[in-house]
All heavy atoms as atom14 arrays in JSON, in Angstrom:
{
  "sequence": "MLEALNELFGIKAVISDFYNNPTLSVILERYKPELCLEFSHDEIS",
  "atom14_mask": [
    [1, 1, 1, 1, 1, 1, 1, 1, 0, 0, 0, 0, 0, 0],
    [1, 1, 1, 1, 1, 1, 1, 1, 0, 0, 0, 0, 0, 0],
    [1, 1, 1, 1, 1, 1, 1, 1, 1, 0, 0, 0, 0, 0],
    [1, 1, 1, 1, 1, 0, 0, 0, 0, 0, 0, 0, 0, 0],
    [1, 1, 1, 1, 1, 1, 1, 1, 0, 0, 0, 0, 0, 0],
    [1, 1, 1, 1, 1, 1, 1, 1, 0, 0, 0, 0, 0, 0],
    [1, 1, 1, 1, 1, 1, 1, 1, 1, 0, 0, 0, 0, 0],
    [1, 1, 1, 1, 1, 1, 1, 1, 0, 0, 0, 0, 0, 0],
    [1, 1, 1, 1, 1, 1, 1, 1, 1, 1, 1, 0, 0, 0],
    [1, 1, 1, 1, 0, 0, 0, 0, 0, 0, 0, 0, 0, 0],
    [1, 1, 1, 1, 1, 1, 1, 1, 0, 0, 0, 0, 0, 0],
    [1, 1, 1, 1, 1, 1, 1, 1, 1, 0, 0, 0, 0, 0],
    [1, 1, 1, 1, 1, 0, 0, 0, 0, 0, 0, 0, 0, 0],
    [1, 1, 1, 1, 1, 1, 1, 0, 0, 0, 0, 0, 0, 0],
    [1, 1, 1, 1, 1, 1, 1, 1, 0, 0, 0, 0, 0, 0],
    [1, 1, 1, 1, 1, 1, 0, 0, 0, 0, 0, 0, 0, 0],
    [1, 1, 1, 1, 1, 1, 1, 1, 0, 0, 0, 0, 0, 0],
    [1, 1, 1, 1, 1, 1, 1, 1, 1, 1, 1, 0, 0, 0],
    [1, 1, 1, 1, 1, 1, 1, 1, 1, 1, 1, 1, 0, 0],
    [1, 1, 1, 1, 1, 1, 1, 1, 0, 0, 0, 0, 0, 0],
    [1, 1, 1, 1, 1, 1, 1, 1, 0, 0, 0, 0, 0, 0],
    [1, 1, 1, 1, 1, 1, 1, 0, 0, 0, 0, 0, 0, 0],
    [1, 1, 1, 1, 1, 1, 1, 0, 0, 0, 0, 0, 0, 0],
    [1, 1, 1, 1, 1, 1, 1, 1, 0, 0, 0, 0, 0, 0],
    [1, 1, 1, 1, 1, 1, 0, 0, 0, 0, 0, 0, 0, 0],
    [1, 1, 1, 1, 1, 1, 1, 0, 0, 0, 0, 0, 0, 0],
    [1, 1, 1, 1, 1, 1, 1, 1, 0, 0, 0, 0, 0, 0],
    [1, 1, 1, 1, 1, 1, 1, 1, 0, 0, 0, 0, 0, 0],
    [1, 1, 1, 1, 1, 1, 1, 1, 1, 0, 0, 0, 0, 0],
    [1, 1, 1, 1, 1, 1, 1, 1, 1, 1, 1, 0, 0, 0],
    [1, 1, 1, 1, 1, 1, 1, 1, 1, 1, 1, 1, 0, 0],
    [1, 1, 1, 1, 1, 1, 1, 1, 1, 0, 0, 0, 0, 0],
    [1, 1, 1, 1, 1, 1, 1, 0, 0, 0, 0, 0, 0, 0],
    [1, 1, 1, 1, 1, 1, 1, 1, 1, 0, 0, 0, 0, 0],
    [1, 1, 1, 1, 1, 1, 1, 1, 0, 0, 0, 0, 0, 0],
    [1, 1, 1, 1, 1, 1, 0, 0, 0, 0, 0, 0, 0, 0],
    [1, 1, 1, 1, 1, 1, 1, 1, 0, 0, 0, 0, 0, 0],
    [1, 1, 1, 1, 1, 1, 1, 1, 1, 0, 0, 0, 0, 0],
    [1, 1, 1, 1, 1, 1, 1, 1, 1, 1, 1, 0, 0, 0],
    [1, 1, 1, 1, 1, 1, 0, 0, 0, 0, 0, 0, 0, 0],
    [1, 1, 1, 1, 1, 1, 1, 1, 1, 1, 0, 0, 0, 0],
    [1, 1, 1, 1, 1, 1, 1, 1, 0, 0, 0, 0, 0, 0],
    [1, 1, 1, 1, 1, 1, 1, 1, 1, 0, 0, 0, 0, 0],
    [1, 1, 1, 1, 1, 1, 1, 1, 0, 0, 0, 0, 0, 0],
    [1, 1, 1, 1, 1, 1, 0, 0, 0, 0, 0, 0, 0, 0]
  ],
  "atom14_positions": [
    [[19.05, 8.15, 109.04], [18.92, 6.74, 108.68], [17.51, 6.46, 108.18], [17.32, 5.72, 107.21], [19.27, 5.85, 109.88], [20.71, 5.94, 110.32], [21.09, 4.93, 111.77], [21.09, 3.3, 111.05], [0.0, 0.0, 0.0], [0.0, 0.0, 0.0], [0.0, 0.0, 0.0], [0.0, 0.0, 0.0], [0.0, 0.0, 0.0], [0.0, 0.0, 0.0]],
    [[16.53, 7.06, 108.84], [15.14, 6.89, 108.43], [14.93, 7.45, 107.02], [14.3, 6.81, 106.17], [14.22, 7.6, 109.42], [12.74, 7.65, 109.06], [12.13, 6.26, 109.1], [11.99, 8.59, 110.01], [0.0, 0.0, 0.0], [0.0, 0.0, 0.0], [0.0, 0.0, 0.0], [0.0, 0.0, 0.0], [0.0, 0.0, 0.0], [0.0, 0.0, 0.0]],
    [[15.45, 8.64, 106.77], [15.33, 9.27, 105.46], [15.96, 8.39, 104.38], [15.38, 8.19, 103.3], [16.0, 10.63, 105.5], [15.94, 11.41, 104.21], [16.63, 12.76, 104.34], [16.2, 13.56, 105.18], [17.62, 12.99, 103.6], [0.0, 0.0, 0.0], [0.0, 0.0, 0.0], [0.0, 0.0, 0.0], [0.0, 0.0, 0.0], [0.0, 0.0, 0.0]],
    [[17.14, 7.85, 104.67], [17.83, 7.01, 103.7], [17.07, 5.71, 103.46], [16.96, 5.24, 102.31], [19.24, 6.7, 104.2], [0.0, 0.0, 0.0], [0.0, 0.0, 0.0], [0.0, 0.0, 0.0], [0.0, 0.0, 0.0], [0.0, 0.0, 0.0], [0.0, 0.0, 0.0], [0.0, 0.0, 0.0], [0.0, 0.0, 0.0], [0.0, 0.0, 0.0]],
    [[16.52, 5.12, 104.51], [15.76, 3.87, 104.37], [14.54, 4.09, 103.48], [14.25, 3.27, 102.6], [15.34, 3.39, 105.76], [14.63, 2.04, 105.82], [15.59, 0.9, 105.48], [14.02, 1.82, 107.2], [0.0, 0.0, 0.0], [0.0, 0.0, 0.0], [0.0, 0.0, 0.0], [0.0, 0.0, 0.0], [0.0, 0.0, 0.0], [0.0, 0.0, 0.0]],
    [[13.84, 5.19, 103.71], [12.65, 5.48, 102.91], [13.0, 5.76, 101.45], [12.29, 5.33, 100.53], [11.9, 6.67, 103.51], [11.15, 6.3, 104.78], [10.85, 5.14, 105.02], [10.86, 7.28, 105.61], [0.0, 0.0, 0.0], [0.0, 0.0, 0.0], [0.0, 0.0, 0.0], [0.0, 0.0, 0.0], [0.0, 0.0, 0.0], [0.0, 0.0, 0.0]],
    [[14.09, 6.48, 101.23], [14.54, 6.77, 99.87], [14.93, 5.49, 99.13], [14.53, 5.27, 97.98], [15.75, 7.7, 99.89], [15.45, 9.14, 100.27], [16.72, 9.95, 100.38], [17.83, 9.38, 100.25], [16.62, 11.17, 100.6], [0.0, 0.0, 0.0], [0.0, 0.0, 0.0], [0.0, 0.0, 0.0], [0.0, 0.0, 0.0], [0.0, 0.0, 0.0]],
    [[15.69, 4.66, 99.79], [16.24, 3.46, 99.15], [15.15, 2.45, 98.79], [15.17, 1.89, 97.68], [17.28, 2.82, 100.06], [17.93, 1.52, 99.57], [18.68, 1.75, 98.25], [18.88, 0.96, 100.63], [0.0, 0.0, 0.0], [0.0, 0.0, 0.0], [0.0, 0.0, 0.0], [0.0, 0.0, 0.0], [0.0, 0.0, 0.0], [0.0, 0.0, 0.0]],
    [[14.21, 2.24, 99.69], [13.24, 1.17, 99.49], [11.84, 1.68, 99.14], [10.92, 0.87, 98.96], [13.18, 0.28, 100.74], [14.45, -0.49, 100.99], [15.29, -0.15, 102.04], [14.82, -1.53, 100.15], [16.46, -0.85, 102.27], [16.0, -2.24, 100.37], [16.82, -1.89, 101.43], [0.0, 0.0, 0.0], [0.0, 0.0, 0.0], [0.0, 0.0, 0.0]],
    [[11.67, 2.99, 99.05], [10.38, 3.54, 98.65], [9.28, 3.27, 99.63], [8.14, 2.93, 99.25], [0.0, 0.0, 0.0], [0.0, 0.0, 0.0], [0.0, 0.0, 0.0], [0.0, 0.0, 0.0], [0.0, 0.0, 0.0], [0.0, 0.0, 0.0], [0.0, 0.0, 0.0], [0.0, 0.0, 0.0], [0.0, 0.0, 0.0], [0.0, 0.0, 0.0]],
    [[9.58, 3.4, 100.92], [8.57, 3.17, 101.95], [8.34, 4.47, 102.73], [8.98, 5.49, 102.45], [8.98, 2.03, 102.91], [10.28, 2.37, 103.63], [9.11, 0.72, 102.14], [10.7, 1.34, 104.67], [0.0, 0.0, 0.0], [0.0, 0.0, 0.0], [0.0, 0.0, 0.0], [0.0, 0.0, 0.0], [0.0, 0.0, 0.0], [0.0, 0.0, 0.0]],
    [[7.46, 4.42, 103.73], [7.18, 5.59, 104.55], [7.28, 5.21, 106.02], [6.36, 5.43, 106.81], [5.79, 6.14, 104.22], [5.68, 6.71, 102.8], [4.3, 7.3, 102.55], [4.21, 7.88, 101.13], [2.87, 8.47, 100.86], [0.0, 0.0, 0.0], [0.0, 0.0, 0.0], [0.0, 0.0, 0.0], [0.0, 0.0, 0.0], [0.0, 0.0, 0.0]],
    [[8.43, 4.67, 106.38], [8.68, 4.33, 107.78], [8.74, 5.59, 108.62], [9.02, 6.68, 108.11], [9.98, 3.54, 107.9], [0.0, 0.0, 0.0], [0.0, 0.0, 0.0], [0.0, 0.0, 0.0], [0.0, 0.0, 0.0], [0.0, 0.0, 0.0], [0.0, 0.0, 0.0], [0.0, 0.0, 0.0], [0.0, 0.0, 0.0], [0.0, 0.0, 0.0]],
    [[8.47, 5.45, 109.9], [8.53, 6.57, 110.84], [9.55, 6.26, 111.92], [10.0, 5.11, 112.06], [7.14, 6.84, 111.46], [6.16, 7.29, 110.39], [6.62, 5.59, 112.18], [0.0, 0.0, 0.0], [0.0, 0.0, 0.0], [0.0, 0.0, 0.0], [0.0, 0.0, 0.0], [0.0, 0.0, 0.0], [0.0, 0.0, 0.0], [0.0, 0.0, 0.0]],
    [[9.93, 7.29, 112.67], [11.03, 7.14, 113.61], [10.76, 6.06, 114.66], [11.68, 5.38, 115.12], [11.37, 8.49, 114.28], [12.8, 8.48, 114.84], [10.35, 8.85, 115.33], [13.88, 8.45, 113.8], [0.0, 0.0, 0.0], [0.0, 0.0, 0.0], [0.0, 0.0, 0.0], [0.0, 0.0, 0.0], [0.0, 0.0, 0.0], [0.0, 0.0, 0.0]],
    [[9.5, 5.88, 115.02], [9.19, 4.85, 116.03], [9.47, 3.44, 115.52], [9.6, 2.51, 116.32], [7.72, 4.97, 116.47], [6.85, 4.82, 115.37], [0.0, 0.0, 0.0], [0.0, 0.0, 0.0], [0.0, 0.0, 0.0], [0.0, 0.0, 0.0], [0.0, 0.0, 0.0], [0.0, 0.0, 0.0], [0.0, 0.0, 0.0], [0.0, 0.0, 0.0]],
    [[9.59, 3.26, 114.21], [9.94, 1.94, 113.67], [11.36, 1.53, 114.08], [11.69, 0.34, 114.01], [9.84, 1.95, 112.14], [8.41, 2.0, 111.65], [7.56, 1.32, 112.25], [8.14, 2.72, 110.67], [0.0, 0.0, 0.0], [0.0, 0.0, 0.0], [0.0, 0.0, 0.0], [0.0, 0.0, 0.0], [0.0, 0.0, 0.0], [0.0, 0.0, 0.0]],
    [[12.17, 2.49, 114.47], [13.55, 2.2, 114.87], [13.67, 1.85, 116.35], [14.75, 1.48, 116.79], [14.46, 3.41, 114.59], [14.88, 3.54, 113.15], [15.33, 4.76, 112.66], [14.85, 2.46, 112.29], [15.74, 4.9, 111.34], [15.25, 2.59, 110.97], [15.7, 3.8, 110.5], [0.0, 0.0, 0.0], [0.0, 0.0, 0.0], [0.0, 0.0, 0.0]],
    [[12.58, 1.98, 117.11], [12.68, 1.77, 118.54], [13.15, 0.35, 118.85], [12.65, -0.63, 118.31], [11.33, 2.04, 119.22], [10.93, 3.5, 119.24], [9.67, 3.89, 119.69], [11.79, 4.51, 118.8], [9.28, 5.23, 119.7], [11.43, 5.84, 118.81], [10.18, 6.2, 119.24], [9.8, 7.52, 119.25], [0.0, 0.0, 0.0], [0.0, 0.0, 0.0]],
    [[14.13, 0.28, 119.72], [14.76, -0.97, 120.17], [15.51, -1.69, 119.05], [15.73, -2.9, 119.11], [13.75, -1.91, 120.82], [14.32, -2.56, 122.07], [15.53, -2.52, 122.31], [13.46, -3.16, 122.87], [0.0, 0.0, 0.0], [0.0, 0.0, 0.0], [0.0, 0.0, 0.0], [0.0, 0.0, 0.0], [0.0, 0.0, 0.0], [0.0, 0.0, 0.0]],
    [[15.91, -0.92, 118.04], [16.83, -1.41, 117.0], [16.41, -2.72, 116.33], [17.13, -3.71, 116.38], [18.24, -1.58, 117.6], [18.89, -0.26, 117.94], [18.21, 0.75, 118.05], [20.19, -0.25, 118.12], [0.0, 0.0, 0.0], [0.0, 0.0, 0.0], [0.0, 0.0, 0.0], [0.0, 0.0, 0.0], [0.0, 0.0, 0.0], [0.0, 0.0, 0.0]],
    [[15.26, -2.74, 115.67], [14.88, -3.95, 114.93], [15.75, -4.1, 113.68], [16.41, -3.13, 113.25], [13.43, -3.67, 114.54], [13.38, -2.18, 114.4], [14.29, -1.64, 115.49], [0.0, 0.0, 0.0], [0.0, 0.0, 0.0], [0.0, 0.0, 0.0], [0.0, 0.0, 0.0], [0.0, 0.0, 0.0], [0.0, 0.0, 0.0], [0.0, 0.0, 0.0]],
    [[15.77, -5.27, 113.09], [16.49, -5.43, 111.83], [15.75, -4.7, 110.73], [14.54, -4.42, 110.83], [16.61, -6.92, 111.45], [15.29, -7.44, 111.2], [17.27, -7.72, 112.57], [0.0, 0.0, 0.0], [0.0, 0.0, 0.0], [0.0, 0.0, 0.0], [0.0, 0.0, 0.0], [0.0, 0.0, 0.0], [0.0, 0.0, 0.0], [0.0, 0.0, 0.0]],
    [[16.47, -4.39, 109.65], [15.83, -3.72, 108.52], [14.72, -4.59, 107.93], [13.7, -4.07, 107.46], [16.87, -3.4, 107.46], [17.95, -2.39, 107.85], [18.9, -2.16, 106.68], [17.35, -1.08, 108.31], [0.0, 0.0, 0.0], [0.0, 0.0, 0.0], [0.0, 0.0, 0.0], [0.0, 0.0, 0.0], [0.0, 0.0, 0.0], [0.0, 0.0, 0.0]],
    [[14.92, -5.88, 107.94], [13.9, -6.79, 107.4], [12.59, -6.67, 108.16], [11.5, -6.74, 107.56], [14.4, -8.23, 107.44], [15.53, -8.41, 106.62], [0.0, 0.0, 0.0], [0.0, 0.0, 0.0], [0.0, 0.0, 0.0], [0.0, 0.0, 0.0], [0.0, 0.0, 0.0], [0.0, 0.0, 0.0], [0.0, 0.0, 0.0], [0.0, 0.0, 0.0]],
    [[12.67, -6.5, 109.46], [11.46, -6.36, 110.29], [10.72, -5.09, 109.89], [9.47, -5.09, 109.77], [11.83, -6.34, 111.78], [10.63, -5.9, 112.63], [12.31, -7.71, 112.23], [0.0, 0.0, 0.0], [0.0, 0.0, 0.0], [0.0, 0.0, 0.0], [0.0, 0.0, 0.0], [0.0, 0.0, 0.0], [0.0, 0.0, 0.0], [0.0, 0.0, 0.0]],
    [[11.45, -4.0, 109.66], [10.81, -2.74, 109.26], [10.2, -2.88, 107.87], [9.04, -2.48, 107.64], [11.83, -1.59, 109.28], [12.34, -1.36, 110.71], [11.2, -0.3, 108.74], [13.43, -0.32, 110.82], [0.0, 0.0, 0.0], [0.0, 0.0, 0.0], [0.0, 0.0, 0.0], [0.0, 0.0, 0.0], [0.0, 0.0, 0.0], [0.0, 0.0, 0.0]],
    [[10.94, -3.44, 106.93], [10.42, -3.59, 105.57], [9.2, -4.5, 105.53], [8.3, -4.3, 104.7], [11.51, -4.14, 104.66], [12.64, -3.17, 104.28], [13.62, -3.85, 103.34], [12.1, -1.91, 103.65], [0.0, 0.0, 0.0], [0.0, 0.0, 0.0], [0.0, 0.0, 0.0], [0.0, 0.0, 0.0], [0.0, 0.0, 0.0], [0.0, 0.0, 0.0]],
    [[9.16, -5.49, 106.39], [8.02, -6.41, 106.43], [6.72, -5.66, 106.71], [5.65, -6.07, 106.23], [8.27, -7.47, 107.51], [7.2, -8.55, 107.6], [7.24, -9.51, 106.42], [8.33, -9.78, 105.89], [6.14, -9.97, 106.03], [0.0, 0.0, 0.0], [0.0, 0.0, 0.0], [0.0, 0.0, 0.0], [0.0, 0.0, 0.0], [0.0, 0.0, 0.0]],
    [[6.8, -4.55, 107.43], [5.61, -3.78, 107.76], [5.09, -2.99, 106.57], [3.89, -2.69, 106.49], [5.91, -2.81, 108.91], [6.32, -3.46, 110.21], [6.84, -2.42, 111.18], [7.4, -3.06, 112.38], [8.2, -2.44, 113.23], [8.53, -1.18, 113.05], [8.67, -3.08, 114.29], [0.0, 0.0, 0.0], [0.0, 0.0, 0.0], [0.0, 0.0, 0.0]],
    [[5.99, -2.61, 105.66], [5.62, -1.68, 104.59], [5.66, -2.31, 103.2], [4.8, -2.02, 102.37], [6.56, -0.46, 104.62], [6.42, 0.36, 105.87], [7.25, 0.15, 106.96], [5.43, 1.33, 105.98], [7.12, 0.9, 108.12], [5.28, 2.09, 107.13], [6.13, 1.86, 108.2], [5.99, 2.6, 109.35], [0.0, 0.0, 0.0], [0.0, 0.0, 0.0]],
    [[6.66, -3.13, 102.95], [6.78, -3.8, 101.65], [7.23, -5.25, 101.87], [8.37, -5.61, 101.62], [7.79, -3.07, 100.75], [7.23, -1.86, 100.03], [8.17, -1.39, 98.93], [7.56, -0.27, 98.12], [8.49, 0.18, 97.03], [0.0, 0.0, 0.0], [0.0, 0.0, 0.0], [0.0, 0.0, 0.0], [0.0, 0.0, 0.0], [0.0, 0.0, 0.0]],
    [[6.32, -6.09, 102.34], [6.7, -7.48, 102.63], [7.22, -8.22, 101.41], [7.99, -9.18, 101.55], [5.4, -8.09, 103.17], [4.31, -7.18, 102.72], [4.91, -5.82, 102.66], [0.0, 0.0, 0.0], [0.0, 0.0, 0.0], [0.0, 0.0, 0.0], [0.0, 0.0, 0.0], [0.0, 0.0, 0.0], [0.0, 0.0, 0.0], [0.0, 0.0, 0.0]],
    [[6.83, -7.76, 100.2], [7.32, -8.43, 99.0], [8.84, -8.32, 98.84], [9.48, -9.19, 98.25], [6.62, -7.88, 97.75], [6.9, -6.42, 97.44], [5.94, -5.46, 98.13], [5.27, -5.89, 99.1], [5.87, -4.3, 97.69], [0.0, 0.0, 0.0], [0.0, 0.0, 0.0], [0.0, 0.0, 0.0], [0.0, 0.0, 0.0], [0.0, 0.0, 0.0]],
    [[9.42, -7.25, 99.39], [10.88, -7.1, 99.32], [11.58, -8.17, 100.14], [12.68, -8.61, 99.79], [11.29, -5.71, 99.81], [11.02, -4.54, 98.87], [11.43, -3.23, 99.53], [11.78, -4.72, 97.56], [0.0, 0.0, 0.0], [0.0, 0.0, 0.0], [0.0, 0.0, 0.0], [0.0, 0.0, 0.0], [0.0, 0.0, 0.0], [0.0, 0.0, 0.0]],
    [[10.95, -8.58, 101.23], [11.55, -9.61, 102.07], [11.49, -10.98, 101.42], [12.22, -11.9, 101.82], [10.87, -9.63, 103.44], [11.06, -8.08, 104.36], [0.0, 0.0, 0.0], [0.0, 0.0, 0.0], [0.0, 0.0, 0.0], [0.0, 0.0, 0.0], [0.0, 0.0, 0.0], [0.0, 0.0, 0.0], [0.0, 0.0, 0.0], [0.0, 0.0, 0.0]],
    [[10.6, -11.13, 100.44], [10.56, -12.37, 99.67], [11.56, -12.32, 98.52], [12.14, -13.34, 98.14], [9.15, -12.58, 99.12], [8.04, -12.76, 100.15], [6.69, -12.85, 99.44], [8.28, -13.99, 101.0], [0.0, 0.0, 0.0], [0.0, 0.0, 0.0], [0.0, 0.0, 0.0], [0.0, 0.0, 0.0], [0.0, 0.0, 0.0], [0.0, 0.0, 0.0]],
    [[11.77, -11.11, 98.0], [12.68, -10.95, 96.86], [14.15, -10.95, 97.28], [15.01, -11.47, 96.58], [12.36, -9.64, 96.14], [13.21, -9.4, 94.89], [12.82, -8.11, 94.18], [11.83, -7.46, 94.6], [13.51, -7.75, 93.22], [0.0, 0.0, 0.0], [0.0, 0.0, 0.0], [0.0, 0.0, 0.0], [0.0, 0.0, 0.0], [0.0, 0.0, 0.0]],
    [[14.42, -10.35, 98.45], [15.8, -10.22, 98.92], [15.95, -10.86, 100.3], [15.05, -10.79, 101.13], [16.21, -8.74, 99.02], [16.12, -8.0, 97.72], [15.06, -7.13, 97.48], [17.09, -8.17, 96.74], [14.98, -6.42, 96.29], [17.01, -7.48, 95.54], [15.95, -6.61, 95.31], [0.0, 0.0, 0.0], [0.0, 0.0, 0.0], [0.0, 0.0, 0.0]],
    [[17.12, -11.45, 100.55], [17.41, -12.0, 101.86], [17.71, -10.87, 102.84], [17.95, -9.72, 102.44], [18.63, -12.93, 101.79], [19.81, -12.19, 101.53], [0.0, 0.0, 0.0], [0.0, 0.0, 0.0], [0.0, 0.0, 0.0], [0.0, 0.0, 0.0], [0.0, 0.0, 0.0], [0.0, 0.0, 0.0], [0.0, 0.0, 0.0], [0.0, 0.0, 0.0]],
    [[17.71, -11.19, 104.12], [18.06, -10.2, 105.14], [19.44, -9.61, 104.88], [19.64, -8.39, 104.98], [18.02, -10.83, 106.53], [18.62, -9.98, 107.6], [18.01, -8.84, 108.07], [19.8, -10.09, 108.27], [18.78, -8.28, 109.0], [19.85, -9.02, 109.14], [0.0, 0.0, 0.0], [0.0, 0.0, 0.0], [0.0, 0.0, 0.0], [0.0, 0.0, 0.0]],
    [[20.39, -10.45, 104.5], [21.75, -9.96, 104.26], [21.8, -9.06, 103.03], [22.55, -8.07, 103.01], [22.71, -11.15, 104.07], [22.99, -11.88, 105.38], [23.29, -11.21, 106.38], [22.88, -13.11, 105.41], [0.0, 0.0, 0.0], [0.0, 0.0, 0.0], [0.0, 0.0, 0.0], [0.0, 0.0, 0.0], [0.0, 0.0, 0.0], [0.0, 0.0, 0.0]],
    [[21.03, -9.38, 102.01], [21.0, -8.53, 100.81], [20.4, -7.16, 101.12], [20.88, -6.13, 100.64], [20.22, -9.23, 99.7], [20.95, -10.43, 99.1], [20.06, -11.24, 98.17], [18.82, -11.26, 98.37], [20.61, -11.87, 97.25], [0.0, 0.0, 0.0], [0.0, 0.0, 0.0], [0.0, 0.0, 0.0], [0.0, 0.0, 0.0], [0.0, 0.0, 0.0]],
    [[19.36, -7.16, 101.93], [18.74, -5.89, 102.33], [19.72, -5.05, 103.13], [19.89, -3.85, 102.9], [17.45, -6.16, 103.13], [16.37, -6.72, 102.21], [16.97, -4.9, 103.84], [15.16, -7.25, 102.95], [0.0, 0.0, 0.0], [0.0, 0.0, 0.0], [0.0, 0.0, 0.0], [0.0, 0.0, 0.0], [0.0, 0.0, 0.0], [0.0, 0.0, 0.0]],
    [[20.4, -5.69, 104.07], [21.37, -4.99, 104.9], [22.54, -4.47, 104.08], [23.02, -3.35, 104.31], [21.89, -5.91, 106.01], [20.84, -6.32, 106.86], [0.0, 0.0, 0.0], [0.0, 0.0, 0.0], [0.0, 0.0, 0.0], [0.0, 0.0, 0.0], [0.0, 0.0, 0.0], [0.0, 0.0, 0.0], [0.0, 0.0, 0.0], [0.0, 0.0, 0.0]]
  ]
}
């Protein structure tokens, strides 16, 4: 899932970003916050 997330959105998330199952938007906010402005949480999901 981590590999796919990084491929799809061009980020460099690490496995600890998945701890306690955050939403994808929360992870993207750390690496590419502009995507969270461009796309809604549902669109990202």
